[in-house]
Amino acid sequence: DTVALAATGDTASFGVGEWASVFATATNPEAFDGDEVTLTGFV
């Protein structure tokens, strides 16, 4: 569901956890190219 939701562009509430799932499992990564994000975490 996370990947499907990301594909609709409804990612305003996404944190590192959701994007990590998208990055790891998306079968069409080109669909997310160009999306702007602001995320907080540790290095």
PDB file of all heavy atoms in Angstrom:
ATOM      1  N   ASP A   1       0.827  -1.216   0.000  1.00  0.00           N
ATOM      2  CA  ASP A   1       0.000   0.000   0.000  1.00  0.00           C
ATOM      3  C   ASP A   1       0.853   1.254   0.000  1.00  0.00           C
ATOM      4  O   ASP A   1       0.461   2.280  -0.564  1.00  0.00           O
ATOM      5  CB  ASP A   1      -0.927   0.001   1.217  1.00  0.00           C
ATOM      6  CG  ASP A   1      -1.998  -1.061   1.125  1.00  0.00           C
ATOM      7  OD1 ASP A   1      -2.184  -1.604   0.019  1.00  0.00           O
ATOM      8  OD2 ASP A   1      -2.641  -1.354   2.159  1.00  0.00           O
ATOM      9  N   THR A   2       2.017   1.186   0.652  1.00  0.00           N
ATOM     10  CA  THR A   2       2.880   2.364   0.709  1.00  0.00           C
ATOM     11  C   THR A   2       3.368   2.753  -0.674  1.00  0.00           C
ATOM     12  O   THR A   2       3.369   3.930  -1.059  1.00  0.00           O
ATOM     13  CB  THR A   2       4.082   2.097   1.626  1.00  0.00           C
ATOM     14  OG1 THR A   2       3.605   1.768   2.935  1.00  0.00           O
ATOM     15  CG2 THR A   2       4.995   3.301   1.706  1.00  0.00           C
ATOM     16  N   VAL A   3       3.808   1.765  -1.453  1.00  0.00           N
ATOM     17  CA  VAL A   3       4.289   2.032  -2.808  1.00  0.00           C
ATOM     18  C   VAL A   3       3.151   2.545  -3.674  1.00  0.00           C
ATOM     19  O   VAL A   3       3.310   3.486  -4.468  1.00  0.00           O
ATOM     20  CB  VAL A   3       4.915   0.763  -3.415  1.00  0.00           C
ATOM     21  CG1 VAL A   3       5.383   1.026  -4.843  1.00  0.00           C
ATOM     22  CG2 VAL A   3       6.074   0.278  -2.564  1.00  0.00           C
ATOM     23  N   ALA A   4       1.966   1.943  -3.544  1.00  0.00           N
ATOM     24  CA  ALA A   4       0.814   2.385  -4.336  1.00  0.00           C
ATOM     25  C   ALA A   4       0.440   3.824  -3.989  1.00  0.00           C
ATOM     26  O   ALA A   4       0.115   4.627  -4.872  1.00  0.00           O
ATOM     27  CB  ALA A   4      -0.367   1.450  -4.087  1.00  0.00           C
ATOM     28  N   LEU A   5       0.490   4.150  -2.688  1.00  0.00           N
ATOM     29  CA  LEU A   5       0.164   5.508  -2.265  1.00  0.00           C
ATOM     30  C   LEU A   5       1.203   6.500  -2.798  1.00  0.00           C
ATOM     31  O   LEU A   5       0.862   7.600  -3.243  1.00  0.00           O
ATOM     32  CB  LEU A   5       0.102   5.580  -0.743  1.00  0.00           C
ATOM     33  CG  LEU A   5      -0.330   6.921  -0.131  1.00  0.00           C
ATOM     34  CD1 LEU A   5      -1.739   7.278  -0.583  1.00  0.00           C
ATOM     35  CD2 LEU A   5      -0.259   6.854   1.390  1.00  0.00           C
ATOM     36  N   ALA A   6       2.470   6.093  -2.767  1.00  0.00           N
ATOM     37  CA  ALA A   6       3.525   6.977  -3.272  1.00  0.00           C
ATOM     38  C   ALA A   6       3.350   7.248  -4.753  1.00  0.00           C
ATOM     39  O   ALA A   6       3.628   8.355  -5.237  1.00  0.00           O
ATOM     40  CB  ALA A   6       4.894   6.342  -3.003  1.00  0.00           C
ATOM     41  N   ALA A   7       2.865   6.257  -5.491  1.00  0.00           N
ATOM     42  CA  ALA A   7       2.690   6.425  -6.936  1.00  0.00           C
ATOM     43  C   ALA A   7       1.627   7.462  -7.258  1.00  0.00           C
ATOM     44  O   ALA A   7       1.640   8.061  -8.349  1.00  0.00           O
ATOM     45  CB  ALA A   7       2.325   5.087  -7.569  1.00  0.00           C
ATOM     46  N   THR A   8       0.703   7.715  -6.324  1.00  0.00           N
ATOM     47  CA  THR A   8      -0.333   8.724  -6.557  1.00  0.00           C
ATOM     48  C   THR A   8       0.161  10.129  -6.257  1.00  0.00           C
ATOM     49  O   THR A   8      -0.533  11.109  -6.530  1.00  0.00           O
ATOM     50  CB  THR A   8      -1.564   8.438  -5.665  1.00  0.00           C
ATOM     51  OG1 THR A   8      -1.217   8.639  -4.295  1.00  0.00           O
ATOM     52  CG2 THR A   8      -2.063   7.015  -5.858  1.00  0.00           C
ATOM     53  N   GLY A   9       1.347  10.227  -5.652  1.00  0.00           N
ATOM     54  CA  GLY A   9       1.894  11.532  -5.306  1.00  0.00           C
ATOM     55  C   GLY A   9       1.483  12.014  -3.936  1.00  0.00           C
ATOM     56  O   GLY A   9       1.858  13.119  -3.522  1.00  0.00           O
ATOM     57  N   ASP A  10       0.705  11.197  -3.213  1.00  0.00           N
ATOM     58  CA  ASP A  10       0.238  11.592  -1.885  1.00  0.00           C
ATOM     59  C   ASP A  10       1.281  11.176  -0.847  1.00  0.00           C
ATOM     60  O   ASP A  10       1.092  10.227  -0.088  1.00  0.00           O
ATOM     61  CB  ASP A  10      -1.115  10.934  -1.595  1.00  0.00           C
ATOM     62  CG  ASP A  10      -1.742  11.435  -0.299  1.00  0.00           C
ATOM     63  OD1 ASP A  10      -1.246  12.439   0.242  1.00  0.00           O
ATOM     64  OD2 ASP A  10      -2.711  10.803   0.170  1.00  0.00           O
ATOM     65  N   THR A  11       2.382  11.900  -0.811  1.00  0.00           N
ATOM     66  CA  THR A  11       3.504  11.523   0.052  1.00  0.00           C
ATOM     67  C   THR A  11       3.822  12.583   1.106  1.00  0.00           C
ATOM     68  O   THR A  11       4.890  12.554   1.709  1.00  0.00           O
ATOM     69  CB  THR A  11       4.768  11.275  -0.804  1.00  0.00           C
ATOM     70  OG1 THR A  11       5.079  12.477  -1.522  1.00  0.00           O
ATOM     71  CG2 THR A  11       4.557  10.130  -1.775  1.00  0.00           C
ATOM     72  N   ALA A  12       2.913  13.505   1.329  1.00  0.00           N
ATOM     73  CA  ALA A  12       3.190  14.603   2.253  1.00  0.00           C
ATOM     74  C   ALA A  12       3.488  14.102   3.665  1.00  0.00           C
ATOM     75  O   ALA A  12       4.280  14.710   4.389  1.00  0.00           O
ATOM     76  CB  ALA A  12       2.004  15.567   2.282  1.00  0.00           C
ATOM     77  N   SER A  13       2.856  12.993   4.050  1.00  0.00           N
ATOM     78  CA  SER A  13       3.052  12.477   5.408  1.00  0.00           C
ATOM     79  C   SER A  13       4.153  11.426   5.488  1.00  0.00           C
ATOM     80  O   SER A  13       4.396  10.878   6.559  1.00  0.00           O
ATOM     81  CB  SER A  13       1.738  11.875   5.927  1.00  0.00           C
ATOM     82  OG  SER A  13       1.367  10.754   5.131  1.00  0.00           O
ATOM     83  N   PHE A  14       4.815  11.152   4.388  1.00  0.00           N
ATOM     84  CA  PHE A  14       5.841  10.102   4.372  1.00  0.00           C
ATOM     85  C   PHE A  14       7.057  10.526   5.191  1.00  0.00           C
ATOM     86  O   PHE A  14       7.533  11.658   5.093  1.00  0.00           O
ATOM     87  CB  PHE A  14       6.282   9.799   2.941  1.00  0.00           C
ATOM     88  CG  PHE A  14       5.416   8.793   2.233  1.00  0.00           C
ATOM     89  CD1 PHE A  14       4.088   8.635   2.591  1.00  0.00           C
ATOM     90  CD2 PHE A  14       5.926   8.014   1.211  1.00  0.00           C
ATOM     91  CE1 PHE A  14       3.285   7.712   1.941  1.00  0.00           C
ATOM     92  CE2 PHE A  14       5.139   7.085   0.560  1.00  0.00           C
ATOM     93  CZ  PHE A  14       3.808   6.925   0.916  1.00  0.00           C
ATOM     94  N   GLY A  15       7.555   9.584   5.980  1.00  0.00           N
ATOM     95  CA  GLY A  15       8.819   9.772   6.674  1.00  0.00           C
ATOM     96  C   GLY A  15       9.888   8.899   6.059  1.00  0.00           C
ATOM     97  O   GLY A  15       9.708   8.327   4.971  1.00  0.00           O
ATOM     98  N   VAL A  16      10.992   8.758   6.760  1.00  0.00           N
ATOM     99  CA  VAL A  16      12.086   7.930   6.253  1.00  0.00           C
ATOM    100  C   VAL A  16      11.631   6.480   6.070  1.00  0.00           C
ATOM    101  O   VAL A  16      12.001   5.817   5.100  1.00  0.00           O
ATOM    102  CB  VAL A  16      13.295   8.002   7.208  1.00  0.00           C
ATOM    103  CG1 VAL A  16      14.380   7.018   6.784  1.00  0.00           C
ATOM    104  CG2 VAL A  16      13.862   9.422   7.248  1.00  0.00           C
ATOM    105  N   GLY A  17      10.814   5.981   6.994  1.00  0.00           N
ATOM    106  CA  GLY A  17      10.369   4.595   6.907  1.00  0.00           C
ATOM    107  C   GLY A  17       9.597   4.308   5.641  1.00  0.00           C
ATOM    108  O   GLY A  17       9.850   3.308   4.952  1.00  0.00           O
ATOM    109  N   GLU A  18       8.635   5.183   5.295  1.00  0.00           N
ATOM    110  CA  GLU A  18       7.854   4.964   4.077  1.00  0.00           C
ATOM    111  C   GLU A  18       8.716   5.062   2.826  1.00  0.00           C
ATOM    112  O   GLU A  18       8.614   4.233   1.916  1.00  0.00           O
ATOM    113  CB  GLU A  18       6.710   5.988   3.996  1.00  0.00           C
ATOM    114  CG  GLU A  18       5.547   5.726   4.931  1.00  0.00           C
ATOM    115  CD  GLU A  18       5.764   6.312   6.316  1.00  0.00           C
ATOM    116  OE1 GLU A  18       6.814   6.956   6.531  1.00  0.00           O
ATOM    117  OE2 GLU A  18       4.894   6.138   7.191  1.00  0.00           O
ATOM    118  N   TRP A  19       9.587   6.088   2.794  1.00  0.00           N
ATOM    119  CA  TRP A  19      10.427   6.231   1.608  1.00  0.00           C
ATOM    120  C   TRP A  19      11.438   5.097   1.494  1.00  0.00           C
ATOM    121  O   TRP A  19      11.762   4.660   0.383  1.00  0.00           O
ATOM    122  CB  TRP A  19      11.143   7.583   1.608  1.00  0.00           C
ATOM    123  CG  TRP A  19      10.283   8.715   1.122  1.00  0.00           C
ATOM    124  CD1 TRP A  19       9.899   9.827   1.811  1.00  0.00           C
ATOM    125  CD2 TRP A  19       9.696   8.834  -0.180  1.00  0.00           C
ATOM    126  NE1 TRP A  19       9.106  10.632   1.042  1.00  0.00           N
ATOM    127  CE2 TRP A  19       8.968  10.055  -0.193  1.00  0.00           C
ATOM    128  CE3 TRP A  19       9.703   8.051  -1.328  1.00  0.00           C
ATOM    129  CZ2 TRP A  19       8.260  10.488  -1.312  1.00  0.00           C
ATOM    130  CZ3 TRP A  19       8.990   8.476  -2.454  1.00  0.00           C
ATOM    131  CH2 TRP A  19       8.290   9.683  -2.434  1.00  0.00           C
ATOM    132  N   ALA A  20      11.918   4.591   2.607  1.00  0.00           N
ATOM    133  CA  ALA A  20      12.840   3.448   2.557  1.00  0.00           C
ATOM    134  C   ALA A  20      12.154   2.237   1.941  1.00  0.00           C
ATOM    135  O   ALA A  20      12.755   1.483   1.167  1.00  0.00           O
ATOM    136  CB  ALA A  20      13.339   3.105   3.961  1.00  0.00           C
ATOM    137  N   SER A  21      10.878   2.053   2.268  1.00  0.00           N
ATOM    138  CA  SER A  21      10.117   0.957   1.679  1.00  0.00           C
ATOM    139  C   SER A  21       9.935   1.157   0.175  1.00  0.00           C
ATOM    140  O   SER A  21      10.082   0.224  -0.613  1.00  0.00           O
ATOM    141  CB  SER A  21       8.757   0.844   2.377  1.00  0.00           C
ATOM    142  OG  SER A  21       8.002  -0.221   1.849  1.00  0.00           O
ATOM    143  N   VAL A  22       9.620   2.401  -0.210  1.00  0.00           N
ATOM    144  CA  VAL A  22       9.463   2.701  -1.636  1.00  0.00           C
ATOM    145  C   VAL A  22      10.771   2.485  -2.380  1.00  0.00           C
ATOM    146  O   VAL A  22      10.807   1.850  -3.446  1.00  0.00           O
ATOM    147  CB  VAL A  22       8.966   4.146  -1.828  1.00  0.00           C
ATOM    148  CG1 VAL A  22       8.993   4.538  -3.315  1.00  0.00           C
ATOM    149  CG2 VAL A  22       7.559   4.314  -1.266  1.00  0.00           C
ATOM    150  N   PHE A  23      11.860   2.991  -1.829  1.00  0.00           N
ATOM    151  CA  PHE A  23      13.160   2.850  -2.489  1.00  0.00           C
ATOM    152  C   PHE A  23      13.542   1.378  -2.668  1.00  0.00           C
ATOM    153  O   PHE A  23      14.166   0.989  -3.660  1.00  0.00           O
ATOM    154  CB  PHE A  23      14.247   3.543  -1.659  1.00  0.00           C
ATOM    155  CG  PHE A  23      14.301   5.041  -1.846  1.00  0.00           C
ATOM    156  CD1 PHE A  23      13.171   5.758  -2.208  1.00  0.00           C
ATOM    157  CD2 PHE A  23      15.485   5.734  -1.647  1.00  0.00           C
ATOM    158  CE1 PHE A  23      13.213   7.139  -2.373  1.00  0.00           C
ATOM    159  CE2 PHE A  23      15.549   7.112  -1.810  1.00  0.00           C
ATOM    160  CZ  PHE A  23      14.412   7.815  -2.175  1.00  0.00           C
ATOM    161  N   ALA A  24      13.172   0.540  -1.697  1.00  0.00           N
ATOM    162  CA  ALA A  24      13.601  -0.860  -1.721  1.00  0.00           C
ATOM    163  C   ALA A  24      12.715  -1.746  -2.581  1.00  0.00           C
ATOM    164  O   ALA A  24      13.174  -2.782  -3.076  1.00  0.00           O
ATOM    165  CB  ALA A  24      13.636  -1.412  -0.300  1.00  0.00           C
ATOM    166  N   THR A  25      11.445  -1.356  -2.771  1.00  0.00           N
ATOM    167  CA  THR A  25      10.511  -2.291  -3.409  1.00  0.00           C
ATOM    168  C   THR A  25       9.858  -1.767  -4.681  1.00  0.00           C
ATOM    169  O   THR A  25       9.157  -2.529  -5.354  1.00  0.00           O
ATOM    170  CB  THR A  25       9.394  -2.669  -2.413  1.00  0.00           C
ATOM    171  OG1 THR A  25       8.699  -1.489  -1.996  1.00  0.00           O
ATOM    172  CG2 THR A  25       9.972  -3.357  -1.188  1.00  0.00           C
ATOM    173  N   ALA A  26      10.046  -0.494  -5.028  1.00  0.00           N
ATOM    174  CA  ALA A  26       9.380   0.057  -6.213  1.00  0.00           C
ATOM    175  C   ALA A  26       9.860  -0.653  -7.472  1.00  0.00           C
ATOM    176  O   ALA A  26      11.067  -0.823  -7.689  1.00  0.00           O
ATOM    177  CB  ALA A  26       9.642   1.559  -6.317  1.00  0.00           C
ATOM    178  N   THR A  27       8.910  -1.075  -8.307  1.00  0.00           N
ATOM    179  CA  THR A  27       9.265  -1.732  -9.571  1.00  0.00           C
ATOM    180  C   THR A  27       9.363  -0.740 -10.722  1.00  0.00           C
ATOM    181  O   THR A  27       9.806  -1.102 -11.814  1.00  0.00           O
ATOM    182  CB  THR A  27       8.209  -2.800  -9.915  1.00  0.00           C
ATOM    183  OG1 THR A  27       6.913  -2.182  -9.963  1.00  0.00           O
ATOM    184  CG2 THR A  27       8.208  -3.905  -8.861  1.00  0.00           C
ATOM    185  N   ASN A  28       8.916   0.497 -10.487  1.00  0.00           N
ATOM    186  CA  ASN A  28       9.031   1.547 -11.502  1.00  0.00           C
ATOM    187  C   ASN A  28       9.690   2.774 -10.886  1.00  0.00           C
ATOM    188  O   ASN A  28       9.038   3.817 -10.708  1.00  0.00           O
ATOM    189  CB  ASN A  28       7.662   1.900 -12.085  1.00  0.00           C
ATOM    190  CG  ASN A  28       6.674   2.311 -11.007  1.00  0.00           C
ATOM    191  OD1 ASN A  28       6.818   1.958  -9.835  1.00  0.00           O
ATOM    192  ND2 ASN A  28       5.665   3.091 -11.408  1.00  0.00           N
ATOM    193  N   PRO A  29      10.971   2.706 -10.545  1.00  0.00           N
ATOM    194  CA  PRO A  29      11.638   3.820  -9.857  1.00  0.00           C
ATOM    195  C   PRO A  29      11.586   5.126 -10.623  1.00  0.00           C
ATOM    196  O   PRO A  29      11.616   6.205 -10.030  1.00  0.00           O
ATOM    197  CB  PRO A  29      13.076   3.315  -9.682  1.00  0.00           C
ATOM    198  CG  PRO A  29      13.231   2.234 -10.690  1.00  0.00           C
ATOM    199  CD  PRO A  29      11.903   1.591 -10.819  1.00  0.00           C
ATOM    200  N   GLU A  30      11.482   5.053 -11.970  1.00  0.00           N
ATOM    201  CA  GLU A  30      11.457   6.283 -12.752  1.00  0.00           C
ATOM    202  C   GLU A  30      10.229   7.134 -12.430  1.00  0.00           C
ATOM    203  O   GLU A  30      10.227   8.353 -12.652  1.00  0.00           O
ATOM    204  CB  GLU A  30      11.487   5.958 -14.247  1.00  0.00           C
ATOM    205  CG  GLU A  30      10.266   5.243 -14.791  1.00  0.00           C
ATOM    206  CD  GLU A  30      10.275   3.740 -14.536  1.00  0.00           C
ATOM    207  OE1 GLU A  30      11.261   3.244 -13.946  1.00  0.00           O
ATOM    208  OE2 GLU A  30       9.300   3.072 -14.924  1.00  0.00           O
ATOM    209  N   ALA A  31       9.193   6.520 -11.867  1.00  0.00           N
ATOM    210  CA  ALA A  31       7.976   7.262 -11.540  1.00  0.00           C
ATOM    211  C   ALA A  31       8.196   8.261 -10.413  1.00  0.00           C
ATOM    212  O   ALA A  31       7.432   9.220 -10.274  1.00  0.00           O
ATOM    213  CB  ALA A  31       6.851   6.288 -11.153  1.00  0.00           C
ATOM    214  N   PHE A  32       9.248   8.053  -9.625  1.00  0.00           N
ATOM    215  CA  PHE A  32       9.492   8.924  -8.471  1.00  0.00           C
ATOM    216  C   PHE A  32      10.611   9.932  -8.740  1.00  0.00           C
ATOM    217  O   PHE A  32      10.895  10.781  -7.893  1.00  0.00           O
ATOM    218  CB  PHE A  32       9.843   8.084  -7.243  1.00  0.00           C
ATOM    219  CG  PHE A  32       8.793   7.058  -6.922  1.00  0.00           C
ATOM    220  CD1 PHE A  32       8.956   5.733  -7.285  1.00  0.00           C
ATOM    221  CD2 PHE A  32       7.625   7.426  -6.285  1.00  0.00           C
ATOM    222  CE1 PHE A  32       7.986   4.790  -7.007  1.00  0.00           C
ATOM    223  CE2 PHE A  32       6.642   6.495  -5.999  1.00  0.00           C
ATOM    224  CZ  PHE A  32       6.814   5.170  -6.368  1.00  0.00           C
ATOM    225  N   ASP A  33      11.237   9.828  -9.909  1.00  0.00           N
ATOM    226  CA  ASP A  33      12.320  10.746 -10.248  1.00  0.00           C
ATOM    227  C   ASP A  33      11.781  12.173 -10.334  1.00  0.00           C
ATOM    228  O   ASP A  33      10.793  12.435 -11.027  1.00  0.00           O
ATOM    229  CB  ASP A  33      12.936  10.341 -11.594  1.00  0.00           C
ATOM    230  CG  ASP A  33      14.216  11.106 -11.883  1.00  0.00           C
ATOM    231  OD1 ASP A  33      14.114  12.270 -12.364  1.00  0.00           O
ATOM    232  OD2 ASP A  33      15.300  10.574 -11.610  1.00  0.00           O
ATOM    233  N   GLY A  34      12.412  13.071  -9.568  1.00  0.00           N
ATOM    234  CA  GLY A  34      12.009  14.478  -9.580  1.00  0.00           C
ATOM    235  C   GLY A  34      11.137  14.870  -8.405  1.00  0.00           C
ATOM    236  O   GLY A  34      10.865  16.073  -8.230  1.00  0.00           O
ATOM    237  N   ASP A  35      10.692  13.917  -7.595  1.00  0.00           N
ATOM    238  CA  ASP A  35       9.871  14.261  -6.421  1.00  0.00           C
ATOM    239  C   ASP A  35      10.721  15.011  -5.398  1.00  0.00           C
ATOM    240  O   ASP A  35      11.853  14.619  -5.097  1.00  0.00           O
ATOM    241  CB  ASP A  35       9.297  12.996  -5.760  1.00  0.00           C
ATOM    242  CG  ASP A  35       8.166  12.380  -6.563  1.00  0.00           C
ATOM    243  OD1 ASP A  35       7.841  12.915  -7.645  1.00  0.00           O
ATOM    244  OD2 ASP A  35       7.627  11.344  -6.116  1.00  0.00           O
ATOM    245  N   GLU A  36      10.156  16.089  -4.861  1.00  0.00           N
ATOM    246  CA  GLU A  36      10.837  16.870  -3.835  1.00  0.00           C
ATOM    247  C   GLU A  36      10.492  16.327  -2.448  1.00  0.00           C
ATOM    248  O   GLU A  36       9.330  16.003  -2.167  1.00  0.00           O
ATOM    249  CB  GLU A  36      10.425  18.339  -3.922  1.00  0.00           C
ATOM    250  CG  GLU A  36      10.722  19.003  -5.262  1.00  0.00           C
ATOM    251  CD  GLU A  36      12.210  19.231  -5.473  1.00  0.00           C
ATOM    252  OE1 GLU A  36      12.936  19.341  -4.457  1.00  0.00           O
ATOM    253  OE2 GLU A  36      12.630  19.305  -6.638  1.00  0.00           O
ATOM    254  N   VAL A  37      11.513  16.210  -1.589  1.00  0.00           N
ATOM    255  CA  VAL A  37      11.285  15.677  -0.243  1.00  0.00           C
ATOM    256  C   VAL A  37      12.055  16.501   0.788  1.00  0.00           C
ATOM    257  O   VAL A  37      13.086  17.102   0.479  1.00  0.00           O
ATOM    258  CB  VAL A  37      11.718  14.190  -0.120  1.00  0.00           C
ATOM    259  CG1 VAL A  37      10.866  13.292  -0.996  1.00  0.00           C
ATOM    260  CG2 VAL A  37      13.197  14.033  -0.466  1.00  0.00           C
ATOM    261  N   THR A  38      11.531  16.505   1.992  1.00  0.00           N
ATOM    262  CA  THR A  38      12.228  17.052   3.157  1.00  0.00           C
ATOM    263  C   THR A  38      12.065  16.031   4.274  1.00  0.00           C
ATOM    264  O   THR A  38      10.933  15.757   4.711  1.00  0.00           O
ATOM    265  CB  THR A  38      11.657  18.411   3.597  1.00  0.00           C
ATOM    266  OG1 THR A  38      11.823  19.360   2.536  1.00  0.00           O
ATOM    267  CG2 THR A  38      12.367  18.912   4.846  1.00  0.00           C
ATOM    268  N   LEU A  39      13.173  15.453   4.702  1.00  0.00           N
ATOM    269  CA  LEU A  39      13.132  14.366   5.672  1.00  0.00           C
ATOM    270  C   LEU A  39      14.124  14.623   6.800  1.00  0.00           C
ATOM    271  O   LEU A  39      15.166  15.273   6.601  1.00  0.00           O
ATOM    272  CB  LEU A  39      13.474  13.033   4.997  1.00  0.00           C
ATOM    273  CG  LEU A  39      12.521  12.547   3.902  1.00  0.00           C
ATOM    274  CD1 LEU A  39      13.100  11.332   3.188  1.00  0.00           C
ATOM    275  CD2 LEU A  39      11.154  12.226   4.485  1.00  0.00           C
ATOM    276  N   THR A  40      13.813  14.084   7.959  1.00  0.00           N
ATOM    277  CA  THR A  40      14.677  14.226   9.129  1.00  0.00           C
ATOM    278  C   THR A  40      15.088  12.851   9.637  1.00  0.00           C
ATOM    279  O   THR A  40      14.262  11.925   9.705  1.00  0.00           O
ATOM    280  CB  THR A  40      13.947  14.993  10.246  1.00  0.00           C
ATOM    281  OG1 THR A  40      13.682  16.325   9.801  1.00  0.00           O
ATOM    282  CG2 THR A  40      14.793  15.044  11.518  1.00  0.00           C
ATOM    283  N   GLY A  41      16.358  12.734   9.980  1.00  0.00           N
ATOM    284  CA  GLY A  41      16.875  11.486  10.526  1.00  0.00           C
ATOM    285  C   GLY A  41      18.299  11.700  11.002  1.00  0.00           C
ATOM    286  O   GLY A  41      18.789  12.831  11.057  1.00  0.00           O
ATOM    287  N   PHE A  42      18.958  10.587  11.351  1.00  0.00           N
ATOM    288  CA  PHE A  42      20.362  10.710  11.741  1.00  0.00           C
ATOM    289  C   PHE A  42      21.256  10.076  10.683  1.00  0.00           C
ATOM    290  O   PHE A  42      20.813   9.245   9.869  1.00  0.00           O
ATOM    291  CB  PHE A  42      20.631  10.120  13.130  1.00  0.00           C
ATOM    292  CG  PHE A  42      20.191   8.685  13.307  1.00  0.00           C
ATOM    293  CD1 PHE A  42      21.016   7.637  12.920  1.00  0.00           C
ATOM    294  CD2 PHE A  42      18.980   8.396  13.892  1.00  0.00           C
ATOM    295  CE1 PHE A  42      20.631   6.321  13.089  1.00  0.00           C
ATOM    296  CE2 PHE A  42      18.577   7.082  14.079  1.00  0.00           C
ATOM    297  CZ  PHE A  42      19.403   6.037  13.679  1.00  0.00           C
ATOM    298  N   VAL A  43      22.503  10.473  10.674  1.00  0.00           N
ATOM    299  CA  VAL A  43      23.443  10.097   9.623  1.00  0.00           C
ATOM    300  C   VAL A  43      24.056   8.733   9.913  1.00  0.00           C
ATOM    301  O   VAL A  43      24.500   8.451  11.033  1.00  0.00           O
ATOM    302  CB  VAL A  43      24.560  11.151   9.503  1.00  0.00           C
ATOM    303  CG1 VAL A  43      25.632  10.704   8.508  1.00  0.00           C
ATOM    304  CG2 VAL A  43      23.970  12.506   9.101  1.00  0.00           C
TER     305      VAL A  43
END
